[in-house]
Structure formats: C-alpha cells, structure tokens
Protein backbone atom coordinates (compact mmCIF):
# COMPACT_ATOMS: atom_id res chain seq x y z
CA MET A 1 97.35 74.75 106.98
CA SER A 2 97.79 74.01 103.58
CA ALA A 3 101.05 74.56 101.54
CA GLY A 4 99.85 77.84 100.14
CA SER A 5 99.91 79.18 103.91
CA ARG A 6 102.92 80.52 105.63
CA LEU A 7 102.13 80.41 109.29
CA GLU A 8 105.29 79.79 110.96
CA ALA A 9 105.58 82.25 114.54
CA ARG A 10 107.94 84.84 114.49
CA PRO A 11 108.72 85.59 118.12
CA ALA A 12 108.96 89.52 118.40
CA SER A 13 107.46 92.42 120.40
CA GLY A 14 104.46 94.00 119.05
CA GLU A 15 106.38 97.38 119.02
CA ASP A 16 109.04 95.67 116.90
CA LEU A 17 106.89 94.29 114.34
CA PRO A 18 103.40 96.33 113.97
CA LEU A 19 101.55 93.20 112.45
CA ALA A 20 103.03 90.49 114.86
CA GLY A 21 100.22 88.24 116.22
CA PHE A 22 98.07 88.94 112.97
CA THR A 23 97.32 86.55 110.03
CA VAL A 24 96.59 88.21 106.55
CA ALA A 25 95.28 86.31 103.40
CA VAL A 26 96.76 87.25 100.17
CA THR A 27 94.28 86.83 97.07
CA ALA A 28 96.58 88.33 94.76
CA ASP A 29 98.50 85.78 92.29
CA ARG A 30 100.60 88.16 90.13
CA ARG A 31 102.43 90.15 92.86
CA ARG A 32 101.66 87.87 95.71
CA ASP A 33 105.65 87.51 96.86
CA GLU A 34 105.82 91.13 96.94
CA LEU A 35 102.79 91.84 99.08
CA SER A 36 103.66 88.58 101.32
CA ALA A 37 107.19 89.98 101.74
CA LEU A 38 105.94 93.36 102.62
CA LEU A 39 103.44 91.82 105.48
CA GLU A 40 105.95 89.31 106.62
CA ARG A 41 108.79 92.14 107.07
CA ARG A 42 105.99 93.84 109.74
CA GLY A 43 105.53 90.99 111.24
CA ALA A 44 102.28 89.20 110.06
CA ARG A 45 101.53 85.51 109.25
CA VAL A 46 100.72 85.17 105.46
CA VAL A 47 97.93 82.92 103.90
CA LEU A 48 98.35 82.56 100.29
CA ALA A 49 95.15 81.95 98.69
CA PRO A 50 95.42 83.17 95.03
CA ALA A 51 91.95 83.86 93.63
CA LEU A 52 92.88 84.59 90.11
CA ARG A 53 95.52 83.99 87.51
CA ILE A 54 96.13 86.33 84.28
CA VAL A 55 96.02 84.37 81.05
CA PRO A 56 98.03 86.21 78.12
CA VAL A 57 96.48 86.19 74.72
CA ALA A 58 98.90 86.74 72.68
CA ASP A 59 97.79 84.36 70.18
CA ASP A 60 94.19 85.31 70.27
CA THR A 61 92.63 86.13 67.27
CA GLU A 62 90.49 88.28 68.53
CA LEU A 63 93.17 90.56 69.95
CA LYS A 64 95.15 90.49 66.86
CA ALA A 65 91.75 91.44 64.74
CA ALA A 66 91.54 94.34 67.28
CA THR A 67 95.16 95.50 66.60
CA VAL A 68 94.84 95.28 63.24
CA SER A 69 91.67 97.41 63.14
CA CYS A 70 93.26 100.23 65.23
CA VAL A 71 96.31 100.28 62.52
CA ASP A 72 93.99 100.28 59.72
CA VAL A 73 91.62 102.74 61.13
CA ALA A 74 93.28 105.17 63.48
CA PRO A 75 91.26 105.45 66.88
CA ASP A 76 90.48 109.21 68.11
CA ILE A 77 90.80 107.70 71.78
CA VAL A 78 92.52 105.02 73.50
CA ILE A 79 91.95 104.36 76.77
CA ALA A 80 94.73 102.31 78.91
CA THR A 81 93.14 100.61 81.82
CA THR A 82 96.08 98.71 83.14
CA GLY A 83 99.93 98.75 82.75
CA ILE A 84 100.19 95.18 82.19
CA GLY A 85 97.34 95.42 79.73
CA LEU A 86 99.07 98.08 77.66
CA ARG A 87 102.51 96.80 77.89
CA GLY A 88 101.20 93.32 76.77
CA TRP A 89 98.93 94.73 73.85
CA ILE A 90 102.53 96.51 72.71
CA GLU A 91 104.32 93.26 73.00
CA ALA A 92 101.68 91.03 71.22
CA ALA A 93 101.63 93.75 68.19
CA GLU A 94 105.33 93.47 67.81
CA GLY A 95 105.45 89.68 67.66
CA TRP A 96 103.07 90.05 64.83
CA GLY A 97 105.22 92.77 63.10
CA LEU A 98 102.62 95.61 64.03
CA GLY A 99 104.34 97.27 66.87
CA GLU A 100 105.55 100.19 65.31
CA ALA A 101 102.38 100.83 63.52
CA LEU A 102 100.75 100.56 66.74
CA ARG A 103 103.02 102.80 68.47
CA THR A 104 102.31 105.33 66.19
CA ARG A 105 98.51 105.01 66.51
CA LEU A 106 98.56 105.28 70.01
CA SER A 107 100.77 108.14 69.91
CA GLU A 108 98.43 110.14 67.34
CA ALA A 109 95.20 109.30 69.58
CA TYR A 110 94.04 111.19 72.57
CA LEU A 111 95.74 108.95 75.43
CA ILE A 112 93.61 108.27 78.77
CA ALA A 113 95.61 106.52 81.28
CA ARG A 114 93.27 105.20 83.78
CA GLY A 115 95.74 105.33 86.65
CA PRO A 116 99.42 105.55 87.81
CA LYS A 117 100.42 101.90 86.39
CA ALA A 118 98.79 102.64 82.96
CA LYS A 119 100.51 105.91 83.11
CA GLY A 120 103.69 104.27 83.96
CA ALA A 121 103.62 102.08 81.13
CA VAL A 122 102.22 104.80 78.74
CA ARG A 123 105.45 106.71 79.36
CA ALA A 124 107.87 103.74 79.44
CA ALA A 125 106.66 103.02 76.07
CA GLY A 126 107.87 106.73 74.81
CA MET A 127 104.49 107.95 75.03
CA LEU A 128 102.61 110.97 76.90
CA GLU A 129 99.06 110.55 78.11
CA ALA A 130 96.38 113.32 77.50
CA TRP A 131 94.33 112.55 80.75
CA SER A 132 94.25 110.52 83.46
CA PRO A 133 91.33 110.26 86.48
CA GLU A 134 92.01 111.27 89.88
CA THR A 135 90.11 108.14 91.53
CA GLU A 136 91.57 105.82 88.78
CA SER A 137 88.09 104.36 88.26
CA CYS A 138 86.16 103.79 85.17
CA ASP A 139 83.40 105.96 85.99
CA GLU A 140 85.52 108.94 86.29
CA VAL A 141 86.74 108.24 82.81
CA LEU A 142 83.00 107.71 81.63
CA ASP A 143 81.60 110.73 83.18
CA TYR A 144 84.79 112.88 81.79
CA LEU A 145 83.91 111.33 78.14
CA THR A 146 80.38 111.83 77.84
CA GLN A 147 80.19 115.07 79.90
CA SER A 148 83.51 117.16 79.69
CA PHE A 149 85.39 115.64 76.39
CA PRO A 150 85.48 118.66 73.98
CA GLY A 151 83.43 118.28 70.99
CA GLY A 152 81.75 115.20 72.71
CA ILE A 153 82.35 111.35 71.57
CA ALA A 154 79.79 110.95 69.08
CA GLY A 155 81.31 109.47 66.00
CA ARG A 156 84.62 109.03 67.51
CA ARG A 157 86.61 105.73 67.56
CA ILE A 158 87.38 104.81 70.86
CA ALA A 159 90.08 101.60 71.53
CA LEU A 160 89.42 100.72 75.14
CA GLN A 161 91.78 98.17 76.56
CA LEU A 162 89.96 95.55 78.93
CA HIS A 163 91.19 94.86 82.29
CA GLY A 164 90.80 90.91 82.40
CA GLU A 165 87.01 90.56 81.56
CA PRO A 166 84.53 92.57 79.48
CA HIS A 167 82.96 95.97 80.55
CA PRO A 168 79.62 95.89 79.19
CA GLU A 169 78.31 98.65 81.21
CA PHE A 170 81.19 100.90 80.25
CA THR A 171 81.18 100.03 76.67
CA SER A 172 77.51 100.19 76.30
CA ALA A 173 77.41 103.66 78.06
CA LEU A 174 80.05 104.83 75.28
CA ARG A 175 78.10 103.62 72.52
CA GLU A 176 74.96 105.11 73.82
CA ALA A 177 76.90 108.34 73.78
CA GLY A 178 77.32 107.75 69.80
CA ALA A 179 81.05 106.26 70.18
CA ILE A 180 82.58 103.65 67.97
CA VAL A 181 83.88 101.31 70.48
CA VAL A 182 86.95 98.89 69.70
CA GLU A 183 87.48 96.39 72.50
CA ILE A 184 90.89 95.24 73.06
CA PRO A 185 90.93 91.95 75.10
CA VAL A 186 94.67 91.64 75.94
CA TYR A 187 94.38 89.14 78.88
CA ARG A 188 91.61 87.17 80.81
CA TRP A 189 91.23 86.63 84.45
CA ALA A 190 90.93 82.85 85.11
CA PRO A 191 90.67 80.78 87.94
CA PRO A 192 93.47 79.37 89.71
CA VAL A 193 94.89 76.35 88.96
CA ASP A 194 95.05 74.82 92.44
CA PRO A 195 91.50 76.25 93.86
CA ALA A 196 92.54 74.39 97.49
CA PRO A 197 94.20 77.34 99.06
CA LEU A 198 91.14 79.52 98.09
CA ARG A 199 88.72 76.86 99.58
CA ARG A 200 90.57 76.78 102.67
CA LEU A 201 90.56 80.45 102.99
CA VAL A 202 86.66 80.61 102.96
CA ASP A 203 86.95 78.09 106.10
CA LEU A 204 89.79 80.12 107.61
CA THR A 205 87.62 83.17 107.21
CA CYS A 206 84.15 81.67 108.38
CA SER A 207 86.17 80.54 111.31
CA ARG A 208 87.84 84.06 112.33
CA LEU A 209 91.27 82.28 111.84
CA VAL A 210 92.53 84.98 109.60
CA ASP A 211 92.59 88.92 110.89
CA ALA A 212 92.26 90.33 107.29
CA VAL A 213 91.82 88.96 103.43
CA THR A 214 93.59 91.51 101.04
CA PHE A 215 91.99 92.05 97.33
CA THR A 216 94.16 93.69 94.93
CA SER A 217 91.48 93.51 91.97
CA ALA A 218 87.84 93.61 92.10
CA PRO A 219 87.34 90.12 90.24
CA ALA A 220 89.07 88.73 92.92
CA VAL A 221 86.34 89.40 95.30
CA SER A 222 83.84 87.57 92.63
CA SER A 223 86.05 84.40 92.65
CA LEU A 224 86.25 84.39 96.52
CA LEU A 225 82.76 84.19 96.83
CA ARG A 226 82.24 81.87 93.58
CA VAL A 227 84.52 79.32 95.25
CA ALA A 228 82.58 79.68 98.80
CA GLY A 229 79.09 78.82 97.01
CA PRO A 230 76.60 78.08 99.85
CA GLU A 231 79.18 79.70 102.43
CA ALA A 232 79.20 82.91 100.45
CA PRO A 233 76.91 84.60 103.13
CA ASP A 234 79.19 83.12 106.14
CA VAL A 235 82.09 84.99 104.46
CA LEU A 236 80.26 88.34 103.91
CA GLU A 237 79.21 88.13 107.39
CA ALA A 238 83.10 87.44 108.54
CA LEU A 239 83.92 90.41 106.81
CA ARG A 240 81.43 92.70 107.70
CA THR A 241 82.35 91.87 111.34
CA ASP A 242 85.60 90.29 112.72
CA VAL A 243 87.66 89.81 109.44
CA LEU A 244 89.16 92.96 107.85
CA ALA A 245 88.48 93.43 104.01
CA ALA A 246 91.59 95.40 102.55
CA CYS A 247 91.68 96.64 99.41
CA VAL A 248 94.43 98.10 97.41
CA GLY A 249 92.22 101.06 95.98
CA PRO A 250 88.81 102.29 95.63
CA VAL A 251 88.09 100.42 92.19
CA THR A 252 88.92 97.31 94.21
CA ALA A 253 86.73 98.02 96.84
CA ALA A 254 83.53 99.01 95.05
CA PRO A 255 82.25 95.14 94.97
CA LEU A 256 82.47 94.91 98.53
CA GLN A 257 81.12 97.85 99.48
CA ARG A 258 78.02 97.29 97.13
CA LEU A 259 77.56 94.19 99.35
CA GLY A 260 77.64 96.02 102.58
CA VAL A 261 81.13 95.11 103.55
CA PRO A 262 83.27 97.93 105.29
CA VAL A 263 86.43 98.17 103.36
CA ALA A 264 89.75 99.72 104.43
CA ALA A 265 91.59 101.19 101.16
CA PRO A 266 94.32 103.63 100.51
CA SER A 267 93.39 106.45 97.86
CA ARG A 268 96.19 105.59 95.79
CA ALA A 269 96.77 101.80 94.47
CA ARG A 270 100.16 100.72 95.82
CA LEU A 271 101.05 97.88 97.80
CA GLY A 272 103.02 99.72 100.21
CA ALA A 273 99.92 101.84 100.89
CA LEU A 274 97.71 98.48 101.41
CA VAL A 275 100.25 97.63 103.81
CA ARG A 276 100.33 100.75 105.64
CA ILE A 277 96.31 100.72 105.95
CA LEU A 278 96.74 97.13 107.80
CA VAL A 279 99.55 98.62 110.13
CA ASP A 280 97.31 101.53 111.08
CA GLU A 281 93.87 99.41 111.25
CA LEU A 282 94.56 95.89 112.88
CA PRO A 283 96.08 97.17 115.70
CA LYS A 284 92.83 99.21 116.68
CA ARG A 285 90.69 95.93 116.71
CA SER A 286 93.02 94.78 119.50
CA PRO A 287 91.97 94.94 122.83
CA THR A 288 94.12 95.50 125.84
CA LEU A 289 93.20 94.30 129.64
CA HIS A 290 95.14 94.37 132.35
CA VAL A 291 95.30 90.94 133.97
CA ALA A 292 97.11 89.21 136.87
CA GLY A 293 99.21 92.53 137.00
CA ALA A 294 99.99 92.87 133.26
CA ALA A 295 98.96 94.57 130.43
CA VAL A 296 97.34 91.63 127.74
CA THR A 297 96.81 92.97 124.21
CA LEU A 298 94.71 90.25 122.09
CA ARG A 299 95.77 89.80 118.45
CA GLY A 300 94.56 87.44 115.83
CA HIS A 301 96.93 84.37 116.93
CA ALA A 302 98.74 85.89 119.89
CA ALA A 303 98.73 87.84 123.18
CA ILE A 304 101.26 90.26 123.83
CA ILE A 305 101.80 90.50 127.48
CA ASP A 306 103.80 93.45 128.62
CA GLY A 307 105.30 93.89 125.37
CA THR A 308 106.27 90.11 124.91
CA LEU A 309 104.60 88.32 122.01
CA LYS A 310 102.84 84.91 123.08
CA PRO A 311 101.80 83.10 119.80
CA LEU A 312 98.86 81.00 120.58
CA ALA A 313 97.25 77.78 118.82
CA PRO A 314 93.58 78.40 117.84
CA GLY A 315 91.79 76.41 120.74
CA PRO A 316 93.68 78.37 123.63
CA MET A 317 93.23 81.55 121.50
CA ALA A 318 89.39 80.92 121.19
CA VAL A 319 89.30 80.53 124.91
CA LEU A 320 91.25 83.89 125.69
CA ARG A 321 89.35 86.03 123.44
CA ALA A 322 85.99 84.53 124.94
CA LEU A 323 87.30 85.26 128.51
CA ALA A 324 88.56 88.73 127.29
CA ALA A 325 84.92 89.53 125.97
CA SER A 326 83.67 89.32 129.54
CA PRO A 327 86.75 90.34 131.54
CA GLY A 328 86.07 88.99 135.15
CA ARG A 329 82.86 86.77 134.67
CA VAL A 330 82.88 82.98 134.99
CA LEU A 331 82.30 81.22 131.83
CA SER A 332 81.07 77.66 131.98
CA ARG A 333 82.75 74.88 130.28
CA ALA A 334 79.53 74.76 127.74
CA ALA A 335 80.06 78.57 126.78
CA LEU A 336 83.65 77.55 126.20
CA LEU A 337 83.25 74.79 124.22
CA ARG A 338 80.92 76.55 121.86
CA GLU A 339 84.00 79.05 120.97
CA LEU A 340 86.11 76.18 120.04
CA PRO A 341 86.95 74.91 116.43
CA ARG A 342 84.52 72.48 115.09
CA GLY A 343 84.48 68.94 116.82
CA ALA A 344 85.80 69.82 120.00
CA ASP A 345 84.53 68.37 123.43
CA GLU A 346 84.09 69.12 126.93
CA HIS A 347 87.66 67.63 127.53
CA ALA A 348 89.11 70.06 125.06
CA VAL A 349 88.21 72.86 127.05
CA GLU A 350 90.24 71.89 129.49
CA MET A 351 93.11 71.18 127.56
CA ALA A 352 92.77 74.70 125.95
CA VAL A 353 92.65 76.21 129.23
CA ALA A 354 96.09 74.27 130.02
CA ARG A 355 97.72 75.31 127.09
CA LEU A 356 96.79 79.03 127.13
CA ARG A 357 98.20 78.94 131.11
CA ALA A 358 101.17 77.33 129.88
CA ALA A 359 101.75 79.71 126.90
CA LEU A 360 100.65 82.88 129.34
CA GLY A 361 103.13 81.49 131.82
CA GLY A 362 101.47 80.21 134.55
CA SER A 363 97.81 80.14 136.27
CA ALA A 364 97.60 83.44 137.27
CA PHE A 365 96.28 84.57 134.50
CA VAL A 366 93.05 82.33 134.23
CA GLN A 367 91.23 81.30 137.30
CA THR A 368 89.67 78.21 137.97
CA VAL A 369 86.31 78.62 139.73
CA VAL A 370 85.17 75.06 141.19
CA LYS A 371 82.08 73.76 139.75
CA ARG A 372 81.33 76.81 137.36
CA GLY A 373 84.04 77.44 135.04
CA TYR A 374 86.76 79.73 134.31
CA ARG A 375 87.38 83.68 134.36
CA LEU A 376 90.30 86.04 133.61
CA ARG A 377 92.03 87.35 136.81
CA VAL A 378 91.58 91.09 135.82
CA ASP A 379 92.83 93.92 137.92
C-alpha cells in the first residue's frame, strides 16, 4: 500500500470493534485525521486518499471586489453555504480593514445559513440566521427564495457565498427570478498536491480491496472519477455492487445517486453520523457460514471465526470469498485463479489455499478434492 494508507491489522474480535476486518477509504482532506481516528477506533483499516484540497483566496482581487461591493451597497439577503467559507470571508475582510463594516452588513441582511456548520459560524460571529433549510441543500434554499420568500426576490440584492466552485444553475435561477446576485468566492476546490493515493484508490476500488469509500463533499466524487479516467465506469460498477459509497449527507450523495450508485448517508451532515452509518451497514454485507463446526463470518480483509478475527492477505481472502459464494461446491484451480489478483498463476492458487488454511488454523476448513479442486467443508 502507499504511504497514504493505514493498513496494519488490529487483532480484536468483531464484537469489540464493529468495523474490524473492513477497509474504509477516506477521500476527505481537511478533516481526514478526525474521520480516520473515528474509523480506526472502531477497528477499521483506513486508506487515505484525499480527492481535493481547499485553496483559500484571501489575497484574491475577486473576493476583495465582491466584499467591497457588499460593504458599499448593502445586500438584502446573504446566503452562507459553509461554515469555513463564512469564517474565511470575515477573516479576509478583517485583513483588508473591512471586517467591522462587513459584519454590520451581514447583521442587517436577511441571513440564510444553508446547514448546521454555516449556522454555527454565523452564531460564532455574533449574528443570528433568519432561516435555515431542513435538508441543507441549495435546492431547498432556491425553492424558498423563489416560491416562499416574503415579497419575492425580484430586485433584491443577494450575496451568495460560494462553496468551492461556481454554482451556475443556482445563480442563474436567482437571476431569472429578478435577483441581483453577488457571488462571494472565498475558497476554491483544487486537485490534491499528490494524486498518487487517489490513483491507488481507483485500483483498490476496482479490485474490491476496499469495502467502503467515504465522501464528505460532492466535488470529491467528480475528482475521483476524473482521476479514474477510462476506469471510471469500473469504479462506478464497483460502487453499485460490492463497495459501499458512504456520504456525509444528502448534498454529498446527490452526484452519486444521479449516476445510479446506491448511497448510505445520514440525514444530518456529521462525521460521527457517517461513521455510525458504516457501523450499521458494513456488517450487514458480511455473510456467516458454518464451516467445520465453526461460525465463519467474512469481512473485507478478514474472517471472524467463532468471534476471533483472522486477518487475511488479498489472495487467501479472494479464495475464501469465492468458496463461500458456493458453499460446499468444488471449485477448480482455474476458477479460483480468476478470483486472484492480476498476474497470478495456477501455483498461486495452491499458495493462497495453503496460506488460507494456515490463517484459519488448519486444513479442516478447506478440503482438497483430488483432481477437481477445493471446497469449503460446510456443516
């Protein structure tokens, strides 16, 4: 694995650590350490593959011009889309000597906080939001402003704090409704400085060597697929079938859902809630068989045998998964070879079976059927 991976096994029972035996990819950058710690605390192996980075634009003339515009001509409505964005805007304004004037304008405006983080930043700045959507989505904000806002928004001046990239559909809809929109570009999403971990994640996802990929922003999805290039369809197929796509909230989940990927996401965008989703969902995907008198539960890179976690290398795990998919049925060496990582030969099947037996504690679990192949000794 790359230097961006945390793949050391942690011996523990599945009951003690609910994510033991699973490998989870983290595409976040800014809060990756926090999310990784939450996952590792529950037993998961973590693969770090930042899909994006936030580039502050405190010295950007575009941001300064937008700030001066808001100070000179007071906005009627201000939309704070992210907590980090609102804080960054105020900090940049303070650096230009416009902090107090901007706070005054924000306090006088009809202030909309798109979600809890934006709401927290508003209140931390000593202000109070006038309204906040239940779903944390820009679509709900748009519906409210164009359909329910008292007096309508025609002729109203709206300051829209962008969250990492332009939002042309949103701004166009506001302008079509007659609003004057001032876009506030506080930060931008940029590709990661080192794209190697993200390229590695593409390989791991296509090979089903991760059990889940977590996303904490919608643009991270586009970044992963862009890096995947011609392998993007394979990544999407893996996410539609064997690899769980776990998103921090509905807004982040939307791009994947539009691509036909089933998504697990909490209703409120919180890292703790995202981890709880994984704790709930991943074990449901783990089949349990009774083999040679023992209960054997398959997890991503391990088997739990009567409550004891047995980590396995990719080759032996691939053999066990293939045999478990057809319990009691004999699979030939050629059939098992197709399940092994790329580049393996028939000798690798014998080695993988031997390593599997050693990891499980002997030959009782995997039976050799002479001249035919191997099968699980199911009860």
